[in-house]
Amino acid sequence: GEEQDVAEVVDRFEDGSPETICDDLLTEEYKVTYRGFGGPDHCAERVEDAGPSGELDITDITITGDAATVLADQPGQVVQPHIRITLLRQDGEWRIDAIGAG
């Protein structure tokens, strides 16, 4: 179902190459608005430097229409042990639109 689709995107984000993450998993808006990515042209190199570090254990998925919120734990992370990932469904595909502290 939809929750499985959302979880799959998060799993691909966790394991994906910077190119996969930038091309397939993030919204265009996020690549532009999130200054850490330096815009679409610099996304891959930024993800390589600051992308997902280690595993993500999903603790909750909430879907409302074309938006989803995933709460996840990052085992072993002291600075940000819990994160919140917001996804939007665009053209039938779930894409990550924000990542922040959970």
N, C-alpha and C. Protein backbone atom coordinates (compact mmCIF):
# COMPACT_ATOMS: atom_id res chain seq x y z
N GLY A 1 0.81 -1.21 0.00
CA GLY A 1 0.00 0.00 0.00
C GLY A 1 0.84 1.26 0.00
N GLU A 2 0.21 2.37 0.29
CA GLU A 2 0.91 3.66 0.25
C GLU A 2 2.02 3.74 1.28
N GLU A 3 1.76 3.22 2.48
CA GLU A 3 2.80 3.27 3.51
C GLU A 3 4.04 2.50 3.06
N GLN A 4 3.81 1.39 2.40
CA GLN A 4 4.93 0.59 1.88
C GLN A 4 5.71 1.38 0.83
N ASP A 5 4.98 2.10 -0.03
CA ASP A 5 5.64 2.93 -1.06
C ASP A 5 6.50 4.01 -0.41
N VAL A 6 5.96 4.65 0.62
CA VAL A 6 6.70 5.71 1.32
C VAL A 6 7.94 5.12 2.00
N ALA A 7 7.76 3.99 2.68
CA ALA A 7 8.89 3.35 3.36
C ALA A 7 9.98 2.97 2.36
N GLU A 8 9.56 2.57 1.17
CA GLU A 8 10.52 2.19 0.13
C GLU A 8 11.38 3.38 -0.29
N VAL A 9 10.76 4.55 -0.40
CA VAL A 9 11.52 5.76 -0.75
C VAL A 9 12.55 6.07 0.34
N VAL A 10 12.14 5.96 1.59
CA VAL A 10 13.07 6.22 2.69
C VAL A 10 14.21 5.20 2.68
N ASP A 11 13.89 3.93 2.39
CA ASP A 11 14.94 2.91 2.31
C ASP A 11 15.91 3.23 1.18
N ARG A 12 15.37 3.67 0.05
CA ARG A 12 16.25 4.01 -1.09
C ARG A 12 17.11 5.22 -0.75
N PHE A 13 16.54 6.16 0.01
CA PHE A 13 17.30 7.34 0.45
C PHE A 13 18.45 6.89 1.36
N GLU A 14 18.15 5.96 2.23
CA GLU A 14 19.14 5.47 3.19
C GLU A 14 20.32 4.82 2.48
N ASP A 15 20.03 4.06 1.42
CA ASP A 15 21.06 3.26 0.75
C ASP A 15 21.52 3.84 -0.58
N GLY A 16 20.85 4.88 -1.06
CA GLY A 16 21.06 5.32 -2.43
C GLY A 16 22.34 6.08 -2.67
N SER A 17 22.77 6.06 -3.92
CA SER A 17 23.90 6.88 -4.32
C SER A 17 23.44 8.34 -4.36
N PRO A 18 24.36 9.29 -4.26
CA PRO A 18 23.97 10.70 -4.35
C PRO A 18 23.17 11.01 -5.61
N GLU A 19 23.54 10.38 -6.73
CA GLU A 19 22.83 10.64 -7.99
C GLU A 19 21.39 10.13 -7.90
N THR A 20 21.22 8.94 -7.36
CA THR A 20 19.88 8.38 -7.22
C THR A 20 19.03 9.26 -6.32
N ILE A 21 19.60 9.68 -5.21
CA ILE A 21 18.86 10.52 -4.27
C ILE A 21 18.42 11.81 -4.95
N CYS A 22 19.34 12.46 -5.64
CA CYS A 22 19.02 13.75 -6.26
C CYS A 22 18.06 13.61 -7.43
N ASP A 23 18.28 12.58 -8.25
CA ASP A 23 17.48 12.46 -9.47
C ASP A 23 16.10 11.87 -9.20
N ASP A 24 16.02 10.92 -8.26
CA ASP A 24 14.80 10.14 -8.13
C ASP A 24 14.03 10.37 -6.83
N LEU A 25 14.69 10.87 -5.79
CA LEU A 25 14.06 10.82 -4.47
C LEU A 25 13.71 12.17 -3.87
N LEU A 26 14.27 13.25 -4.38
CA LEU A 26 13.98 14.57 -3.82
C LEU A 26 13.08 15.37 -4.75
N THR A 27 12.24 16.24 -4.16
CA THR A 27 11.46 17.14 -5.00
C THR A 27 12.38 18.21 -5.58
N GLU A 28 12.02 18.72 -6.75
CA GLU A 28 12.79 19.82 -7.34
C GLU A 28 12.82 21.02 -6.41
N GLU A 29 11.69 21.27 -5.74
CA GLU A 29 11.59 22.42 -4.84
C GLU A 29 12.59 22.30 -3.70
N TYR A 30 12.72 21.10 -3.17
CA TYR A 30 13.63 20.91 -2.04
C TYR A 30 15.07 21.14 -2.47
N LYS A 31 15.41 20.71 -3.67
CA LYS A 31 16.78 20.91 -4.14
C LYS A 31 17.08 22.39 -4.29
N VAL A 32 16.04 23.18 -4.60
CA VAL A 32 16.24 24.63 -4.78
C VAL A 32 16.20 25.35 -3.44
N THR A 33 15.23 25.00 -2.59
CA THR A 33 15.03 25.79 -1.38
C THR A 33 15.98 25.41 -0.26
N TYR A 34 16.43 24.17 -0.23
CA TYR A 34 17.33 23.77 0.85
C TYR A 34 18.73 24.20 0.49
N ARG A 35 19.23 25.23 1.16
CA ARG A 35 20.49 25.84 0.74
C ARG A 35 21.66 24.87 0.82
N GLY A 36 21.55 23.87 1.69
CA GLY A 36 22.64 22.90 1.81
C GLY A 36 22.89 22.14 0.52
N PHE A 37 21.88 22.03 -0.33
CA PHE A 37 22.06 21.29 -1.58
C PHE A 37 22.66 22.18 -2.66
N GLY A 38 22.68 23.48 -2.46
CA GLY A 38 23.29 24.38 -3.42
C GLY A 38 22.61 24.37 -4.77
N GLY A 39 21.32 24.04 -4.79
CA GLY A 39 20.58 24.00 -6.05
C GLY A 39 20.77 22.67 -6.75
N PRO A 40 19.96 22.41 -7.76
CA PRO A 40 19.97 21.12 -8.44
C PRO A 40 21.33 20.71 -9.00
N ASP A 41 22.12 21.69 -9.45
CA ASP A 41 23.39 21.36 -10.09
C ASP A 41 24.42 20.82 -9.11
N HIS A 42 24.26 21.15 -7.83
CA HIS A 42 25.27 20.75 -6.84
C HIS A 42 24.72 19.71 -5.87
N CYS A 43 23.54 19.22 -6.14
CA CYS A 43 22.87 18.33 -5.19
C CYS A 43 23.72 17.10 -4.88
N ALA A 44 24.21 16.42 -5.91
CA ALA A 44 24.89 15.13 -5.69
C ALA A 44 26.12 15.29 -4.80
N GLU A 45 26.91 16.34 -5.06
CA GLU A 45 28.11 16.49 -4.24
C GLU A 45 27.76 16.85 -2.80
N ARG A 46 26.68 17.61 -2.60
CA ARG A 46 26.24 17.96 -1.24
C ARG A 46 25.73 16.72 -0.50
N VAL A 47 24.98 15.89 -1.21
CA VAL A 47 24.45 14.68 -0.58
C VAL A 47 25.61 13.76 -0.20
N GLU A 48 26.64 13.73 -1.04
CA GLU A 48 27.79 12.90 -0.74
C GLU A 48 28.44 13.35 0.57
N ASP A 49 28.50 14.67 0.77
CA ASP A 49 29.11 15.21 1.98
C ASP A 49 28.20 15.08 3.20
N ALA A 50 26.90 15.31 2.99
CA ALA A 50 26.02 15.47 4.15
C ALA A 50 24.75 14.64 4.07
N GLY A 51 24.79 13.61 3.28
CA GLY A 51 23.61 12.78 3.10
C GLY A 51 23.33 11.91 4.31
N PRO A 52 22.48 10.93 4.14
CA PRO A 52 22.11 10.08 5.27
C PRO A 52 23.33 9.37 5.84
N SER A 53 23.46 9.40 7.14
CA SER A 53 24.62 8.77 7.78
C SER A 53 24.13 7.57 8.57
N GLY A 54 24.36 6.41 8.00
CA GLY A 54 23.97 5.20 8.72
C GLY A 54 22.51 4.85 8.51
N GLU A 55 22.03 3.96 9.35
CA GLU A 55 20.70 3.42 9.12
C GLU A 55 19.61 4.32 9.68
N LEU A 56 18.43 4.16 9.12
CA LEU A 56 17.23 4.85 9.60
C LEU A 56 16.22 3.78 9.98
N ASP A 57 15.73 3.86 11.19
CA ASP A 57 14.69 2.94 11.64
C ASP A 57 13.37 3.70 11.69
N ILE A 58 12.47 3.40 10.76
CA ILE A 58 11.18 4.10 10.70
C ILE A 58 10.33 3.72 11.91
N THR A 59 9.82 4.74 12.60
CA THR A 59 8.97 4.48 13.77
C THR A 59 7.51 4.82 13.50
N ASP A 60 7.26 5.70 12.51
CA ASP A 60 5.87 6.08 12.24
C ASP A 60 5.75 6.64 10.84
N ILE A 61 4.64 6.33 10.16
CA ILE A 61 4.33 6.90 8.85
C ILE A 61 2.89 7.40 8.90
N THR A 62 2.72 8.68 8.56
CA THR A 62 1.38 9.28 8.50
C THR A 62 1.18 9.82 7.10
N ILE A 63 0.09 9.42 6.45
CA ILE A 63 -0.20 9.89 5.09
C ILE A 63 -1.51 10.67 5.10
N THR A 64 -1.45 11.89 4.55
CA THR A 64 -2.64 12.73 4.42
C THR A 64 -2.70 13.21 2.98
N GLY A 65 -3.57 12.61 2.18
CA GLY A 65 -3.65 13.01 0.78
C GLY A 65 -2.35 12.74 0.06
N ASP A 66 -1.76 13.81 -0.50
CA ASP A 66 -0.52 13.67 -1.25
C ASP A 66 0.70 14.06 -0.43
N ALA A 67 0.57 14.05 0.90
CA ALA A 67 1.70 14.35 1.78
C ALA A 67 1.87 13.20 2.77
N ALA A 68 3.11 12.95 3.11
CA ALA A 68 3.41 11.91 4.09
C ALA A 68 4.48 12.40 5.05
N THR A 69 4.37 12.00 6.29
CA THR A 69 5.39 12.31 7.29
C THR A 69 5.93 11.00 7.85
N VAL A 70 7.24 10.89 7.84
CA VAL A 70 7.90 9.70 8.38
C VAL A 70 8.75 10.13 9.56
N LEU A 71 8.57 9.46 10.68
CA LEU A 71 9.45 9.65 11.82
C LEU A 71 10.40 8.46 11.86
N ALA A 72 11.68 8.75 12.08
CA ALA A 72 12.67 7.68 12.08
C ALA A 72 13.73 7.95 13.14
N ASP A 73 14.27 6.87 13.67
CA ASP A 73 15.40 6.96 14.59
C ASP A 73 16.68 6.69 13.80
N GLN A 74 17.75 7.37 14.23
CA GLN A 74 19.07 7.13 13.66
C GLN A 74 19.94 6.54 14.76
N PRO A 75 20.01 5.22 14.85
CA PRO A 75 20.78 4.61 15.93
C PRO A 75 22.23 5.08 15.92
N GLY A 76 22.74 5.42 17.09
CA GLY A 76 24.13 5.83 17.20
C GLY A 76 24.37 7.30 16.92
N GLN A 77 23.33 8.03 16.49
CA GLN A 77 23.48 9.46 16.22
C GLN A 77 23.17 10.24 17.50
N VAL A 78 24.14 11.01 17.95
CA VAL A 78 23.94 11.79 19.17
C VAL A 78 23.29 13.14 18.83
N VAL A 79 23.75 13.76 17.76
CA VAL A 79 23.30 15.11 17.43
C VAL A 79 21.83 15.10 17.02
N GLN A 80 21.45 14.18 16.16
CA GLN A 80 20.08 14.13 15.67
C GLN A 80 19.59 12.69 15.70
N PRO A 81 19.25 12.17 16.89
CA PRO A 81 18.86 10.76 16.98
C PRO A 81 17.51 10.46 16.34
N HIS A 82 16.66 11.49 16.24
CA HIS A 82 15.34 11.30 15.64
C HIS A 82 15.16 12.31 14.52
N ILE A 83 14.67 11.85 13.36
CA ILE A 83 14.44 12.80 12.28
C ILE A 83 13.01 12.65 11.76
N ARG A 84 12.57 13.72 11.13
CA ARG A 84 11.24 13.77 10.50
C ARG A 84 11.47 14.03 9.02
N ILE A 85 10.90 13.16 8.19
CA ILE A 85 11.05 13.28 6.74
C ILE A 85 9.65 13.55 6.16
N THR A 86 9.54 14.63 5.41
CA THR A 86 8.27 14.96 4.77
C THR A 86 8.37 14.59 3.29
N LEU A 87 7.36 13.86 2.81
CA LEU A 87 7.33 13.47 1.39
C LEU A 87 6.07 14.02 0.75
N LEU A 88 6.17 14.33 -0.53
CA LEU A 88 5.02 14.75 -1.33
C LEU A 88 4.87 13.79 -2.50
N ARG A 89 3.62 13.50 -2.86
CA ARG A 89 3.38 12.67 -4.05
C ARG A 89 3.29 13.61 -5.24
N GLN A 90 4.21 13.42 -6.18
CA GLN A 90 4.25 14.25 -7.39
C GLN A 90 4.21 13.32 -8.59
N ASP A 91 3.20 13.52 -9.45
CA ASP A 91 3.04 12.66 -10.63
C ASP A 91 3.03 11.18 -10.24
N GLY A 92 2.39 10.88 -9.13
CA GLY A 92 2.25 9.50 -8.71
C GLY A 92 3.44 8.92 -7.98
N GLU A 93 4.52 9.70 -7.84
CA GLU A 93 5.73 9.21 -7.17
C GLU A 93 5.93 9.97 -5.86
N TRP A 94 6.29 9.25 -4.81
CA TRP A 94 6.61 9.90 -3.54
C TRP A 94 8.04 10.43 -3.60
N ARG A 95 8.19 11.70 -3.21
CA ARG A 95 9.52 12.30 -3.18
C ARG A 95 9.73 13.04 -1.87
N ILE A 96 10.96 13.08 -1.42
CA ILE A 96 11.29 13.74 -0.16
C ILE A 96 11.32 15.25 -0.36
N ASP A 97 10.57 15.97 0.49
CA ASP A 97 10.47 17.42 0.35
C ASP A 97 11.10 18.17 1.53
N ALA A 98 11.37 17.47 2.62
CA ALA A 98 12.01 18.12 3.76
C ALA A 98 12.54 17.05 4.71
N ILE A 99 13.64 17.40 5.36
CA ILE A 99 14.22 16.52 6.38
C ILE A 99 14.62 17.41 7.55
N GLY A 100 14.20 17.06 8.73
CA GLY A 100 14.53 17.88 9.88
C GLY A 100 14.54 17.06 11.15
N ALA A 101 14.74 17.72 12.25
CA ALA A 101 14.75 17.03 13.54
C ALA A 101 13.36 16.50 13.83
N GLY A 102 13.30 15.29 14.39
CA GLY A 102 12.02 14.69 14.68
C GLY A 102 11.62 14.90 16.12
